[in-house]
């Protein structure tokens, strides 16, 4: 399964790249598929590329779901297979 993560563009860089951040992580990504993206925008990042510009509410809701999934995986009940 592949997952695109919403991240906020912090800075536009040379060469069609951008510095993005989410949940304490930062990385450089390519804007080849979303050349109209600008600093402050939220983009879905997959395999090092921004694949779509999304609004802030969508980004916040998706990041909350990702956090919830991570908490579930750390739950001992889930790890023992009691929830499956």
N, C-alpha and C. Protein backbone atom coordinates (compact mmCIF):
# COMPACT_ATOMS: atom_id res chain seq x y z
N UNK A 1 0.84 -1.17 0.00
CA UNK A 1 0.00 0.00 0.00
C UNK A 1 0.89 1.23 0.00
N UNK A 2 0.49 2.21 -0.76
CA UNK A 2 1.22 3.48 -0.84
C UNK A 2 0.39 4.55 -0.14
N UNK A 3 1.09 5.50 0.44
CA UNK A 3 0.41 6.56 1.16
C UNK A 3 1.04 7.89 0.78
N UNK A 4 0.22 8.85 0.39
CA UNK A 4 0.68 10.21 0.15
C UNK A 4 0.40 11.01 1.42
N UNK A 5 1.39 11.74 1.88
CA UNK A 5 1.29 12.47 3.14
C UNK A 5 1.18 13.96 2.86
N UNK A 6 0.20 14.64 3.47
CA UNK A 6 0.12 16.09 3.29
C UNK A 6 1.25 16.78 4.05
N UNK A 7 1.91 17.68 3.36
CA UNK A 7 3.00 18.45 3.96
C UNK A 7 2.87 19.89 3.50
N UNK A 8 3.36 20.81 4.34
CA UNK A 8 3.27 22.23 4.00
C UNK A 8 4.59 22.70 3.40
N UNK A 9 4.49 23.44 2.32
CA UNK A 9 5.69 24.01 1.69
C UNK A 9 6.21 25.14 2.55
N UNK A 10 7.43 24.99 3.00
CA UNK A 10 8.08 26.01 3.82
C UNK A 10 8.86 27.01 2.97
N UNK A 11 9.44 26.49 1.87
CA UNK A 11 10.32 27.33 1.06
C UNK A 11 10.43 26.73 -0.33
N UNK A 12 10.38 27.60 -1.34
CA UNK A 12 10.65 27.17 -2.70
C UNK A 12 12.15 27.22 -2.93
N UNK A 13 12.69 26.18 -3.53
CA UNK A 13 14.12 26.08 -3.79
C UNK A 13 14.37 26.12 -5.29
N UNK A 14 15.61 26.29 -5.68
CA UNK A 14 15.97 26.28 -7.09
C UNK A 14 15.71 24.90 -7.69
N UNK A 15 15.55 24.87 -9.00
CA UNK A 15 15.43 23.62 -9.72
C UNK A 15 14.09 22.93 -9.58
N UNK A 16 13.03 23.67 -9.24
CA UNK A 16 11.71 23.08 -9.11
C UNK A 16 11.55 22.23 -7.87
N UNK A 17 12.31 22.54 -6.84
CA UNK A 17 12.22 21.82 -5.57
C UNK A 17 11.60 22.69 -4.51
N UNK A 18 11.17 22.06 -3.43
CA UNK A 18 10.62 22.79 -2.29
C UNK A 18 11.01 22.08 -1.01
N UNK A 19 11.14 22.85 0.06
CA UNK A 19 11.35 22.30 1.41
C UNK A 19 9.96 22.22 2.04
N UNK A 20 9.58 21.02 2.51
CA UNK A 20 8.26 20.82 3.11
C UNK A 20 8.41 20.25 4.51
N UNK A 21 7.32 20.38 5.31
CA UNK A 21 7.35 19.82 6.66
C UNK A 21 5.97 19.32 7.06
N UNK A 22 5.99 18.33 7.95
CA UNK A 22 4.78 17.79 8.56
C UNK A 22 5.18 16.93 9.74
N UNK A 23 4.45 17.04 10.83
CA UNK A 23 4.65 16.21 12.02
C UNK A 23 6.12 16.16 12.47
N UNK A 24 6.80 17.28 12.36
CA UNK A 24 8.17 17.37 12.82
C UNK A 24 9.22 16.90 11.82
N UNK A 25 8.79 16.41 10.68
CA UNK A 25 9.74 15.95 9.64
C UNK A 25 9.85 17.01 8.55
N UNK A 26 11.04 17.18 8.03
CA UNK A 26 11.27 18.10 6.91
C UNK A 26 12.03 17.35 5.83
N UNK A 27 11.74 17.71 4.59
CA UNK A 27 12.49 17.12 3.47
C UNK A 27 12.33 18.00 2.24
N UNK A 28 13.19 17.76 1.27
CA UNK A 28 13.09 18.44 -0.02
C UNK A 28 12.32 17.53 -0.97
N UNK A 29 11.42 18.13 -1.75
CA UNK A 29 10.62 17.37 -2.71
C UNK A 29 10.63 18.08 -4.06
N UNK A 30 10.20 17.36 -5.09
CA UNK A 30 10.09 17.92 -6.43
C UNK A 30 8.68 18.44 -6.66
N UNK A 31 8.60 19.55 -7.38
CA UNK A 31 7.31 20.15 -7.71
C UNK A 31 6.96 19.97 -9.19
N UNK A 32 7.56 18.99 -9.85
CA UNK A 32 7.34 18.77 -11.27
C UNK A 32 5.85 18.60 -11.61
N UNK A 33 5.10 17.95 -10.74
CA UNK A 33 3.68 17.66 -11.00
C UNK A 33 2.75 18.76 -10.51
N UNK A 34 3.29 19.68 -9.71
CA UNK A 34 2.50 20.80 -9.18
C UNK A 34 3.31 22.09 -9.27
N UNK A 35 3.68 22.51 -10.47
CA UNK A 35 4.55 23.69 -10.61
C UNK A 35 3.93 24.99 -10.09
N UNK A 36 2.59 25.01 -9.93
CA UNK A 36 1.92 26.22 -9.46
C UNK A 36 1.95 26.35 -7.93
N UNK A 37 2.44 25.33 -7.23
CA UNK A 37 2.48 25.36 -5.76
C UNK A 37 3.41 26.47 -5.28
N UNK A 38 3.03 27.04 -4.13
CA UNK A 38 3.83 28.15 -3.58
C UNK A 38 4.03 27.96 -2.08
N UNK A 39 4.92 28.72 -1.50
CA UNK A 39 5.18 28.64 -0.07
C UNK A 39 3.88 28.84 0.70
N UNK A 40 3.66 27.99 1.71
CA UNK A 40 2.46 28.04 2.51
C UNK A 40 1.40 27.05 2.07
N UNK A 41 1.47 26.59 0.82
CA UNK A 41 0.51 25.61 0.33
C UNK A 41 0.74 24.25 0.99
N UNK A 42 -0.33 23.46 1.07
CA UNK A 42 -0.24 22.07 1.50
C UNK A 42 -0.29 21.20 0.25
N UNK A 43 0.61 20.23 0.18
CA UNK A 43 0.66 19.33 -0.96
C UNK A 43 0.69 17.89 -0.47
N UNK A 44 0.13 16.98 -1.27
CA UNK A 44 0.27 15.56 -0.98
C UNK A 44 1.60 15.11 -1.54
N UNK A 45 2.42 14.50 -0.69
CA UNK A 45 3.76 14.08 -1.09
C UNK A 45 3.81 12.57 -1.17
N UNK A 46 4.26 12.08 -2.33
CA UNK A 46 4.43 10.65 -2.54
C UNK A 46 5.70 10.43 -3.34
N UNK A 47 6.56 9.57 -2.83
CA UNK A 47 7.81 9.19 -3.52
C UNK A 47 8.64 10.41 -3.89
N UNK A 48 8.66 11.42 -3.02
CA UNK A 48 9.50 12.59 -3.24
C UNK A 48 8.91 13.64 -4.16
N UNK A 49 7.65 13.48 -4.56
CA UNK A 49 6.99 14.44 -5.45
C UNK A 49 5.72 14.96 -4.80
N UNK A 50 5.46 16.26 -5.01
CA UNK A 50 4.14 16.81 -4.66
C UNK A 50 3.23 16.40 -5.80
N UNK A 51 2.17 15.63 -5.47
CA UNK A 51 1.30 15.12 -6.53
C UNK A 51 -0.01 15.89 -6.63
N UNK A 52 -0.32 16.69 -5.61
CA UNK A 52 -1.57 17.46 -5.62
C UNK A 52 -1.51 18.53 -4.55
N UNK A 53 -2.10 19.69 -4.83
CA UNK A 53 -2.26 20.74 -3.83
C UNK A 53 -3.59 20.49 -3.13
N UNK A 54 -3.59 20.55 -1.79
CA UNK A 54 -4.81 20.33 -1.01
C UNK A 54 -5.02 21.51 -0.07
N UNK A 55 -6.25 21.64 0.44
CA UNK A 55 -6.50 22.74 1.37
C UNK A 55 -6.07 22.36 2.79
N UNK A 56 -5.97 23.36 3.63
CA UNK A 56 -5.46 23.17 4.99
C UNK A 56 -6.33 22.22 5.80
N UNK A 57 -7.65 22.29 5.64
CA UNK A 57 -8.55 21.41 6.40
C UNK A 57 -8.32 19.95 6.02
N UNK A 58 -8.22 19.67 4.73
CA UNK A 58 -7.96 18.30 4.27
C UNK A 58 -6.63 17.80 4.84
N UNK A 59 -5.61 18.66 4.78
CA UNK A 59 -4.29 18.28 5.30
C UNK A 59 -4.37 17.96 6.79
N UNK A 60 -5.04 18.80 7.56
CA UNK A 60 -5.14 18.59 9.01
C UNK A 60 -5.90 17.30 9.33
N UNK A 61 -6.99 17.06 8.63
CA UNK A 61 -7.78 15.85 8.87
C UNK A 61 -6.98 14.59 8.52
N UNK A 62 -6.26 14.64 7.42
CA UNK A 62 -5.46 13.48 7.00
C UNK A 62 -4.31 13.22 7.95
N UNK A 63 -3.64 14.27 8.39
CA UNK A 63 -2.55 14.09 9.35
C UNK A 63 -3.06 13.53 10.67
N UNK A 64 -4.25 13.95 11.07
CA UNK A 64 -4.84 13.41 12.31
C UNK A 64 -5.13 11.91 12.15
N UNK A 65 -5.62 11.50 10.99
CA UNK A 65 -5.85 10.07 10.73
C UNK A 65 -4.55 9.29 10.77
N UNK A 66 -3.50 9.85 10.20
CA UNK A 66 -2.19 9.18 10.20
C UNK A 66 -1.69 9.02 11.63
N UNK A 67 -1.84 10.06 12.45
CA UNK A 67 -1.44 9.98 13.86
C UNK A 67 -2.25 8.91 14.59
N UNK A 68 -3.55 8.85 14.32
CA UNK A 68 -4.40 7.85 14.96
C UNK A 68 -3.98 6.44 14.58
N UNK A 69 -3.63 6.23 13.32
CA UNK A 69 -3.17 4.90 12.89
C UNK A 69 -1.89 4.51 13.60
N UNK A 70 -0.98 5.45 13.76
CA UNK A 70 0.28 5.17 14.44
C UNK A 70 0.03 4.81 15.91
N UNK A 71 -0.90 5.50 16.54
CA UNK A 71 -1.24 5.19 17.94
C UNK A 71 -1.86 3.81 18.05
N UNK A 72 -2.69 3.44 17.08
CA UNK A 72 -3.32 2.12 17.09
C UNK A 72 -2.28 1.01 16.96
N UNK A 73 -1.31 1.22 16.09
CA UNK A 73 -0.26 0.22 15.90
C UNK A 73 0.55 0.04 17.18
N UNK A 74 0.71 1.10 17.95
CA UNK A 74 1.47 1.03 19.21
C UNK A 74 0.63 0.44 20.34
N UNK A 75 -0.66 0.27 20.13
CA UNK A 75 -1.55 -0.28 21.16
C UNK A 75 -1.27 -1.76 21.35
N UNK A 76 -0.99 -2.21 22.58
CA UNK A 76 -0.69 -3.64 22.81
C UNK A 76 -1.81 -4.57 22.36
N UNK A 77 -3.07 -4.15 22.46
CA UNK A 77 -4.18 -4.98 22.01
C UNK A 77 -4.09 -5.26 20.51
N UNK A 78 -3.73 -4.23 19.75
CA UNK A 78 -3.60 -4.39 18.30
C UNK A 78 -2.40 -5.27 17.98
N UNK A 79 -1.30 -5.06 18.68
CA UNK A 79 -0.07 -5.82 18.41
C UNK A 79 -0.27 -7.31 18.66
N UNK A 80 -1.15 -7.66 19.62
CA UNK A 80 -1.39 -9.08 19.94
C UNK A 80 -2.46 -9.69 19.05
N UNK A 81 -3.03 -8.93 18.14
CA UNK A 81 -4.03 -9.44 17.24
C UNK A 81 -5.43 -9.47 17.81
N UNK A 82 -5.65 -8.87 18.97
CA UNK A 82 -6.97 -8.90 19.62
C UNK A 82 -8.00 -8.08 18.84
N UNK A 83 -7.54 -7.12 18.03
CA UNK A 83 -8.48 -6.28 17.30
C UNK A 83 -8.68 -6.75 15.87
N UNK A 84 -8.01 -7.77 15.45
CA UNK A 84 -8.15 -8.20 14.05
C UNK A 84 -9.13 -9.35 13.92
